[in-house]
Amino acid sequence: MAKPFRPHAHLDSGYHHIPDEVMVFPTYADLKREMKYLIEKAPNKMVRVYRHRRGDWGEWYEHWEFNHKRKPHIVKEGWC
């Protein structure tokens, strides 16, 4: 089993020459609590989340955006 790491959110800059903003959170629950703010802050209104899943090996990713009711939801997820 891989060593767990803290979840981190990538806010896409939208440009290749400008690096993404990366924010590290102590827990996944803390990250989800701030998700609405993160999506609003992102220039392209999408946040990529990378995290460790308990009992599994590898890195799990999620792409978050607003749905039509302005609530954050996952549009894509899987293993890296």
PDB file of N, CA and C in Angstrom:
ATOM      1  N   MET A   1       0.841  -1.172   0.000  1.00  0.00           N
ATOM      2  CA  MET A   1       0.000   0.000   0.000  1.00  0.00           C
ATOM      3  C   MET A   1       0.889   1.239   0.000  1.00  0.00           C
ATOM      4  N   ALA A   2       0.507   2.224  -0.757  1.00  0.00           N
ATOM      5  CA  ALA A   2       1.272   3.462  -0.873  1.00  0.00           C
ATOM      6  C   ALA A   2       1.094   4.309   0.384  1.00  0.00           C
ATOM      7  N   LYS A   3       2.086   5.144   0.641  1.00  0.00           N
ATOM      8  CA  LYS A   3       2.010   6.047   1.774  1.00  0.00           C
ATOM      9  C   LYS A   3       0.973   7.128   1.474  1.00  0.00           C
ATOM     10  N   PRO A   4       0.033   7.352   2.399  1.00  0.00           N
ATOM     11  CA  PRO A   4      -0.989   8.378   2.136  1.00  0.00           C
ATOM     12  C   PRO A   4      -0.387   9.779   2.076  1.00  0.00           C
ATOM     13  N   PHE A   5      -0.988  10.630   1.287  1.00  0.00           N
ATOM     14  CA  PHE A   5      -0.556  12.019   1.194  1.00  0.00           C
ATOM     15  C   PHE A   5      -1.778  12.906   1.317  1.00  0.00           C
ATOM     16  N   ARG A   6      -1.554  14.168   1.569  1.00  0.00           N
ATOM     17  CA  ARG A   6      -2.657  15.097   1.767  1.00  0.00           C
ATOM     18  C   ARG A   6      -3.297  15.459   0.431  1.00  0.00           C
ATOM     19  N   PRO A   7      -4.605  15.623   0.441  1.00  0.00           N
ATOM     20  CA  PRO A   7      -5.275  15.998  -0.808  1.00  0.00           C
ATOM     21  C   PRO A   7      -4.883  17.406  -1.239  1.00  0.00           C
ATOM     22  N   HIS A   8      -4.762  17.604  -2.541  1.00  0.00           N
ATOM     23  CA  HIS A   8      -4.423  18.922  -3.048  1.00  0.00           C
ATOM     24  C   HIS A   8      -5.287  19.260  -4.261  1.00  0.00           C
ATOM     25  N   ALA A   9      -5.589  20.557  -4.371  1.00  0.00           N
ATOM     26  CA  ALA A   9      -6.441  21.063  -5.440  1.00  0.00           C
ATOM     27  C   ALA A   9      -5.598  21.898  -6.387  1.00  0.00           C
ATOM     28  N   HIS A  10      -5.787  21.695  -7.688  1.00  0.00           N
ATOM     29  CA  HIS A  10      -5.112  22.469  -8.726  1.00  0.00           C
ATOM     30  C   HIS A  10      -6.141  23.381  -9.382  1.00  0.00           C
ATOM     31  N   LEU A  11      -5.894  24.673  -9.343  1.00  0.00           N
ATOM     32  CA  LEU A  11      -6.750  25.644 -10.020  1.00  0.00           C
ATOM     33  C   LEU A  11      -6.081  25.970 -11.345  1.00  0.00           C
ATOM     34  N   ASP A  12      -6.668  25.531 -12.445  1.00  0.00           N
ATOM     35  CA  ASP A  12      -6.092  25.736 -13.772  1.00  0.00           C
ATOM     36  C   ASP A  12      -6.001  27.219 -14.105  1.00  0.00           C
ATOM     37  N   SER A  13      -4.835  27.631 -14.584  1.00  0.00           N
ATOM     38  CA  SER A  13      -4.659  29.028 -14.985  1.00  0.00           C
ATOM     39  C   SER A  13      -5.257  29.276 -16.362  1.00  0.00           C
ATOM     40  N   GLY A  14      -5.341  28.217 -17.169  1.00  0.00           N
ATOM     41  CA  GLY A  14      -5.874  28.361 -18.516  1.00  0.00           C
ATOM     42  C   GLY A  14      -4.792  28.653 -19.551  1.00  0.00           C
ATOM     43  N   TYR A  15      -3.563  28.886 -19.102  1.00  0.00           N
ATOM     44  CA  TYR A  15      -2.449  29.174 -20.006  1.00  0.00           C
ATOM     45  C   TYR A  15      -1.314  28.207 -19.723  1.00  0.00           C
ATOM     46  N   HIS A  16      -0.583  27.820 -20.765  1.00  0.00           N
ATOM     47  CA  HIS A  16       0.524  26.886 -20.596  1.00  0.00           C
ATOM     48  C   HIS A  16       1.736  27.545 -19.949  1.00  0.00           C
ATOM     49  N   HIS A  17       1.923  28.834 -20.159  1.00  0.00           N
ATOM     50  CA  HIS A  17       3.110  29.501 -19.634  1.00  0.00           C
ATOM     51  C   HIS A  17       2.904  30.031 -18.206  1.00  0.00           C
ATOM     52  N   ILE A  18       1.682  29.951 -17.671  1.00  0.00           N
ATOM     53  CA  ILE A  18       1.419  30.360 -16.290  1.00  0.00           C
ATOM     54  C   ILE A  18       1.118  29.103 -15.484  1.00  0.00           C
ATOM     55  N   PRO A  19       1.877  28.847 -14.409  1.00  0.00           N
ATOM     56  CA  PRO A  19       1.649  27.612 -13.646  1.00  0.00           C
ATOM     57  C   PRO A  19       0.305  27.622 -12.916  1.00  0.00           C
ATOM     58  N   ASP A  20      -0.215  26.423 -12.676  1.00  0.00           N
ATOM     59  CA  ASP A  20      -1.458  26.280 -11.922  1.00  0.00           C
ATOM     60  C   ASP A  20      -1.218  26.634 -10.465  1.00  0.00           C
ATOM     61  N   GLU A  21      -2.270  27.097  -9.801  1.00  0.00           N
ATOM     62  CA  GLU A  21      -2.195  27.344  -8.363  1.00  0.00           C
ATOM     63  C   GLU A  21      -2.534  26.035  -7.656  1.00  0.00           C
ATOM     64  N   VAL A  22      -1.695  25.626  -6.709  1.00  0.00           N
ATOM     65  CA  VAL A  22      -1.895  24.373  -5.989  1.00  0.00           C
ATOM     66  C   VAL A  22      -2.134  24.692  -4.518  1.00  0.00           C
ATOM     67  N   MET A  23      -3.199  24.113  -3.973  1.00  0.00           N
ATOM     68  CA  MET A  23      -3.533  24.305  -2.567  1.00  0.00           C
ATOM     69  C   MET A  23      -3.610  22.936  -1.897  1.00  0.00           C
ATOM     70  N   VAL A  24      -2.914  22.772  -0.759  1.00  0.00           N
ATOM     71  CA  VAL A  24      -2.896  21.514  -0.020  1.00  0.00           C
ATOM     72  C   VAL A  24      -3.799  21.654   1.202  1.00  0.00           C
ATOM     73  N   PHE A  25      -4.605  20.629   1.453  1.00  0.00           N
ATOM     74  CA  PHE A  25      -5.542  20.630   2.573  1.00  0.00           C
ATOM     75  C   PHE A  25      -5.211  19.480   3.516  1.00  0.00           C
ATOM     76  N   PRO A  26      -5.484  19.649   4.824  1.00  0.00           N
ATOM     77  CA  PRO A  26      -5.185  18.565   5.768  1.00  0.00           C
ATOM     78  C   PRO A  26      -6.053  17.326   5.562  1.00  0.00           C
ATOM     79  N   THR A  27      -7.314  17.509   5.175  1.00  0.00           N
ATOM     80  CA  THR A  27      -8.213  16.374   4.960  1.00  0.00           C
ATOM     81  C   THR A  27      -9.068  16.624   3.713  1.00  0.00           C
ATOM     82  N   TYR A  28      -9.631  15.546   3.182  1.00  0.00           N
ATOM     83  CA  TYR A  28     -10.522  15.650   2.022  1.00  0.00           C
ATOM     84  C   TYR A  28     -11.798  16.398   2.400  1.00  0.00           C
ATOM     85  N   ALA A  29     -12.273  16.226   3.632  1.00  0.00           N
ATOM     86  CA  ALA A  29     -13.474  16.935   4.089  1.00  0.00           C
ATOM     87  C   ALA A  29     -13.251  18.444   4.082  1.00  0.00           C
ATOM     88  N   ASP A  30     -12.068  18.891   4.504  1.00  0.00           N
ATOM     89  CA  ASP A  30     -11.751  20.321   4.467  1.00  0.00           C
ATOM     90  C   ASP A  30     -11.732  20.843   3.039  1.00  0.00           C
ATOM     91  N   LEU A  31     -11.188  20.053   2.130  1.00  0.00           N
ATOM     92  CA  LEU A  31     -11.143  20.446   0.722  1.00  0.00           C
ATOM     93  C   LEU A  31     -12.563  20.581   0.171  1.00  0.00           C
ATOM     94  N   LYS A  32     -13.435  19.603   0.445  1.00  0.00           N
ATOM     95  CA  LYS A  32     -14.805  19.653  -0.060  1.00  0.00           C
ATOM     96  C   LYS A  32     -15.575  20.830   0.522  1.00  0.00           C
ATOM     97  N   ARG A  33     -15.272  21.196   1.759  1.00  0.00           N
ATOM     98  CA  ARG A  33     -15.934  22.331   2.402  1.00  0.00           C
ATOM     99  C   ARG A  33     -15.623  23.635   1.670  1.00  0.00           C
ATOM    100  N   GLU A  34     -14.433  23.743   1.092  1.00  0.00           N
ATOM    101  CA  GLU A  34     -13.995  24.949   0.392  1.00  0.00           C
ATOM    102  C   GLU A  34     -14.204  24.879  -1.120  1.00  0.00           C
ATOM    103  N   MET A  35     -14.825  23.820  -1.612  1.00  0.00           N
ATOM    104  CA  MET A  35     -14.903  23.593  -3.051  1.00  0.00           C
ATOM    105  C   MET A  35     -15.635  24.714  -3.799  1.00  0.00           C
ATOM    106  N   LYS A  36     -16.721  25.220  -3.274  1.00  0.00           N
ATOM    107  CA  LYS A  36     -17.465  26.271  -3.963  1.00  0.00           C
ATOM    108  C   LYS A  36     -16.577  27.502  -4.151  1.00  0.00           C
ATOM    109  N   TYR A  37     -15.844  27.882  -3.114  1.00  0.00           N
ATOM    110  CA  TYR A  37     -14.927  29.023  -3.192  1.00  0.00           C
ATOM    111  C   TYR A  37     -13.824  28.760  -4.226  1.00  0.00           C
ATOM    112  N   LEU A  38     -13.284  27.547  -4.230  1.00  0.00           N
ATOM    113  CA  LEU A  38     -12.197  27.211  -5.157  1.00  0.00           C
ATOM    114  C   LEU A  38     -12.661  27.286  -6.608  1.00  0.00           C
ATOM    115  N   ILE A  39     -13.854  26.774  -6.897  1.00  0.00           N
ATOM    116  CA  ILE A  39     -14.359  26.810  -8.274  1.00  0.00           C
ATOM    117  C   ILE A  39     -14.601  28.249  -8.714  1.00  0.00           C
ATOM    118  N   GLU A  40     -15.154  29.064  -7.823  1.00  0.00           N
ATOM    119  CA  GLU A  40     -15.382  30.468  -8.159  1.00  0.00           C
ATOM    120  C   GLU A  40     -14.069  31.210  -8.390  1.00  0.00           C
ATOM    121  N   LYS A  41     -13.026  30.830  -7.664  1.00  0.00           N
ATOM    122  CA  LYS A  41     -11.717  31.486  -7.775  1.00  0.00           C
ATOM    123  C   LYS A  41     -10.962  31.079  -9.042  1.00  0.00           C
ATOM    124  N   ALA A  42     -11.200  29.870  -9.532  1.00  0.00           N
ATOM    125  CA  ALA A  42     -10.488  29.358 -10.706  1.00  0.00           C
ATOM    126  C   ALA A  42     -10.889  30.128 -11.958  1.00  0.00           C
ATOM    127  N   PRO A  43      -9.914  30.525 -12.794  1.00  0.00           N
ATOM    128  CA  PRO A  43     -10.227  31.284 -14.011  1.00  0.00           C
ATOM    129  C   PRO A  43     -11.151  30.543 -14.984  1.00  0.00           C
ATOM    130  N   ASN A  44     -10.988  29.228 -15.119  1.00  0.00           N
ATOM    131  CA  ASN A  44     -11.839  28.480 -16.058  1.00  0.00           C
ATOM    132  C   ASN A  44     -12.957  27.710 -15.348  1.00  0.00           C
ATOM    133  N   LYS A  45     -13.159  28.004 -14.070  1.00  0.00           N
ATOM    134  CA  LYS A  45     -14.248  27.419 -13.268  1.00  0.00           C
ATOM    135  C   LYS A  45     -14.191  25.894 -13.192  1.00  0.00           C
ATOM    136  N   MET A  46     -12.962  25.351 -13.139  1.00  0.00           N
ATOM    137  CA  MET A  46     -12.769  23.923 -12.944  1.00  0.00           C
ATOM    138  C   MET A  46     -11.615  23.703 -11.978  1.00  0.00           C
ATOM    139  N   VAL A  47     -11.785  22.749 -11.063  1.00  0.00           N
ATOM    140  CA  VAL A  47     -10.751  22.412 -10.082  1.00  0.00           C
ATOM    141  C   VAL A  47     -10.426  20.942 -10.232  1.00  0.00           C
ATOM    142  N   ARG A  48      -9.128  20.643 -10.296  1.00  0.00           N
ATOM    143  CA  ARG A  48      -8.665  19.256 -10.333  1.00  0.00           C
ATOM    144  C   ARG A  48      -8.186  18.885  -8.936  1.00  0.00           C
ATOM    145  N   VAL A  49      -8.653  17.750  -8.406  1.00  0.00           N
ATOM    146  CA  VAL A  49      -8.294  17.287  -7.068  1.00  0.00           C
ATOM    147  C   VAL A  49      -7.534  15.977  -7.198  1.00  0.00           C
ATOM    148  N   TYR A  50      -6.433  15.880  -6.480  1.00  0.00           N
ATOM    149  CA  TYR A  50      -5.643  14.651  -6.429  1.00  0.00           C
ATOM    150  C   TYR A  50      -5.543  14.233  -4.971  1.00  0.00           C
ATOM    151  N   ARG A  51      -5.816  12.927  -4.714  1.00  0.00           N
ATOM    152  CA  ARG A  51      -5.811  12.458  -3.337  1.00  0.00           C
ATOM    153  C   ARG A  51      -5.520  10.971  -3.272  1.00  0.00           C
ATOM    154  N   HIS A  52      -5.262  10.500  -2.059  1.00  0.00           N
ATOM    155  CA  HIS A  52      -5.036   9.092  -1.780  1.00  0.00           C
ATOM    156  C   HIS A  52      -6.351   8.505  -1.268  1.00  0.00           C
ATOM    157  N   ARG A  53      -6.694   7.323  -1.706  1.00  0.00           N
ATOM    158  CA  ARG A  53      -7.900   6.658  -1.201  1.00  0.00           C
ATOM    159  C   ARG A  53      -7.487   5.552  -0.245  1.00  0.00           C
ATOM    160  N   ARG A  54      -8.107   5.536   0.914  1.00  0.00           N
ATOM    161  CA  ARG A  54      -7.747   4.594   1.974  1.00  0.00           C
ATOM    162  C   ARG A  54      -7.878   3.145   1.496  1.00  0.00           C
ATOM    163  N   GLY A  55      -6.818   2.372   1.745  1.00  0.00           N
ATOM    164  CA  GLY A  55      -6.818   0.964   1.387  1.00  0.00           C
ATOM    165  C   GLY A  55      -6.473   0.685  -0.058  1.00  0.00           C
ATOM    166  N   ASP A  56      -6.299   1.715  -0.866  1.00  0.00           N
ATOM    167  CA  ASP A  56      -5.976   1.541  -2.278  1.00  0.00           C
ATOM    168  C   ASP A  56      -4.590   2.079  -2.573  1.00  0.00           C
ATOM    169  N   TRP A  57      -4.002   1.581  -3.651  1.00  0.00           N
ATOM    170  CA  TRP A  57      -2.693   2.022  -4.063  1.00  0.00           C
ATOM    171  C   TRP A  57      -2.852   2.984  -5.220  1.00  0.00           C
ATOM    172  N   GLY A  58      -2.100   4.054  -5.209  1.00  0.00           N
ATOM    173  CA  GLY A  58      -2.125   4.973  -6.334  1.00  0.00           C
ATOM    174  C   GLY A  58      -2.711   6.326  -5.983  1.00  0.00           C
ATOM    175  N   GLU A  59      -2.951   7.093  -7.022  1.00  0.00           N
ATOM    176  CA  GLU A  59      -3.435   8.453  -6.871  1.00  0.00           C
ATOM    177  C   GLU A  59      -4.784   8.590  -7.574  1.00  0.00           C
ATOM    178  N   TRP A  60      -5.780   9.055  -6.870  1.00  0.00           N
ATOM    179  CA  TRP A  60      -7.125   9.232  -7.381  1.00  0.00           C
ATOM    180  C   TRP A  60      -7.307  10.685  -7.788  1.00  0.00           C
ATOM    181  N   TYR A  61      -7.940  10.928  -8.932  1.00  0.00           N
ATOM    182  CA  TYR A  61      -8.180  12.302  -9.361  1.00  0.00           C
ATOM    183  C   TYR A  61      -9.671  12.548  -9.544  1.00  0.00           C
ATOM    184  N   GLU A  62     -10.065  13.815  -9.386  1.00  0.00           N
ATOM    185  CA  GLU A  62     -11.439  14.241  -9.607  1.00  0.00           C
ATOM    186  C   GLU A  62     -11.411  15.613 -10.265  1.00  0.00           C
ATOM    187  N   HIS A  63     -12.288  15.829 -11.219  1.00  0.00           N
ATOM    188  CA  HIS A  63     -12.464  17.149 -11.828  1.00  0.00           C
ATOM    189  C   HIS A  63     -13.812  17.677 -11.361  1.00  0.00           C
ATOM    190  N   TRP A  64     -13.802  18.853 -10.737  1.00  0.00           N
ATOM    191  CA  TRP A  64     -15.005  19.451 -10.161  1.00  0.00           C
ATOM    192  C   TRP A  64     -15.406  20.691 -10.940  1.00  0.00           C
ATOM    193  N   GLU A  65     -16.712  20.850 -11.155  1.00  0.00           N
ATOM    194  CA  GLU A  65     -17.292  22.050 -11.771  1.00  0.00           C
ATOM    195  C   GLU A  65     -18.654  22.290 -11.128  1.00  0.00           C
ATOM    196  N   PHE A  66     -19.261  23.440 -11.444  1.00  0.00           N
ATOM    197  CA  PHE A  66     -20.627  23.704 -10.998  1.00  0.00           C
ATOM    198  C   PHE A  66     -21.612  23.004 -11.928  1.00  0.00           C
ATOM    199  N   ASN A  67     -22.727  22.503 -11.349  1.00  0.00           N
ATOM    200  CA  ASN A  67     -23.801  22.003 -12.191  1.00  0.00           C
ATOM    201  C   ASN A  67     -24.750  23.160 -12.496  1.00  0.00           C
ATOM    202  N   HIS A  68     -25.877  22.899 -13.104  1.00  0.00           N
ATOM    203  CA  HIS A  68     -26.794  23.964 -13.500  1.00  0.00           C
ATOM    204  C   HIS A  68     -27.430  24.672 -12.304  1.00  0.00           C
ATOM    205  N   LYS A  69     -27.362  24.084 -11.103  1.00  0.00           N
ATOM    206  CA  LYS A  69     -27.899  24.719  -9.893  1.00  0.00           C
ATOM    207  C   LYS A  69     -26.808  25.408  -9.070  1.00  0.00           C
ATOM    208  N   ARG A  70     -25.624  25.587  -9.655  1.00  0.00           N
ATOM    209  CA  ARG A  70     -24.486  26.236  -9.001  1.00  0.00           C
ATOM    210  C   ARG A  70     -24.007  25.459  -7.772  1.00  0.00           C
ATOM    211  N   LYS A  71     -24.109  24.126  -7.829  1.00  0.00           N
ATOM    212  CA  LYS A  71     -23.577  23.282  -6.774  1.00  0.00           C
ATOM    213  C   LYS A  71     -22.373  22.528  -7.334  1.00  0.00           C
ATOM    214  N   PRO A  72     -21.286  22.415  -6.569  1.00  0.00           N
ATOM    215  CA  PRO A  72     -20.122  21.668  -7.056  1.00  0.00           C
ATOM    216  C   PRO A  72     -20.447  20.184  -7.248  1.00  0.00           C
ATOM    217  N   HIS A  73     -19.968  19.625  -8.348  1.00  0.00           N
ATOM    218  CA  HIS A  73     -20.121  18.192  -8.580  1.00  0.00           C
ATOM    219  C   HIS A  73     -18.940  17.686  -9.391  1.00  0.00           C
ATOM    220  N   ILE A  74     -18.720  16.373  -9.329  1.00  0.00           N
ATOM    221  CA  ILE A  74     -17.613  15.734 -10.036  1.00  0.00           C
ATOM    222  C   ILE A  74     -18.052  15.435 -11.465  1.00  0.00           C
ATOM    223  N   VAL A  75     -17.246  15.908 -12.435  1.00  0.00           N
ATOM    224  CA  VAL A  75     -17.561  15.629 -13.840  1.00  0.00           C
ATOM    225  C   VAL A  75     -16.706  14.498 -14.392  1.00  0.00           C
ATOM    226  N   LYS A  76     -15.571  14.224 -13.746  1.00  0.00           N
ATOM    227  CA  LYS A  76     -14.693  13.138 -14.203  1.00  0.00           C
ATOM    228  C   LYS A  76     -13.877  12.671 -13.006  1.00  0.00           C
ATOM    229  N   GLU A  77     -13.644  11.338 -12.920  1.00  0.00           N
ATOM    230  CA  GLU A  77     -12.835  10.795 -11.834  1.00  0.00           C
ATOM    231  C   GLU A  77     -12.200   9.500 -12.290  1.00  0.00           C
ATOM    232  N   GLY A  78     -11.128   9.112 -11.596  1.00  0.00           N
ATOM    233  CA  GLY A  78     -10.453   7.870 -11.936  1.00  0.00           C
ATOM    234  C   GLY A  78      -9.057   7.798 -11.324  1.00  0.00           C
ATOM    235  N   TRP A  79      -8.329   6.771 -11.716  1.00  0.00           N
ATOM    236  CA  TRP A  79      -6.953   6.569 -11.218  1.00  0.00           C
ATOM    237  C   TRP A  79      -5.959   7.225 -12.170  1.00  0.00           C
ATOM    238  N   CYS A  80      -4.935   7.823 -11.601  1.00  0.00           N
ATOM    239  CA  CYS A  80      -3.861   8.419 -12.417  1.00  0.00           C
ATOM    240  C   CYS A  80      -2.924   7.355 -12.908  1.00  0.00           C
TER     241      CYS A  80
END
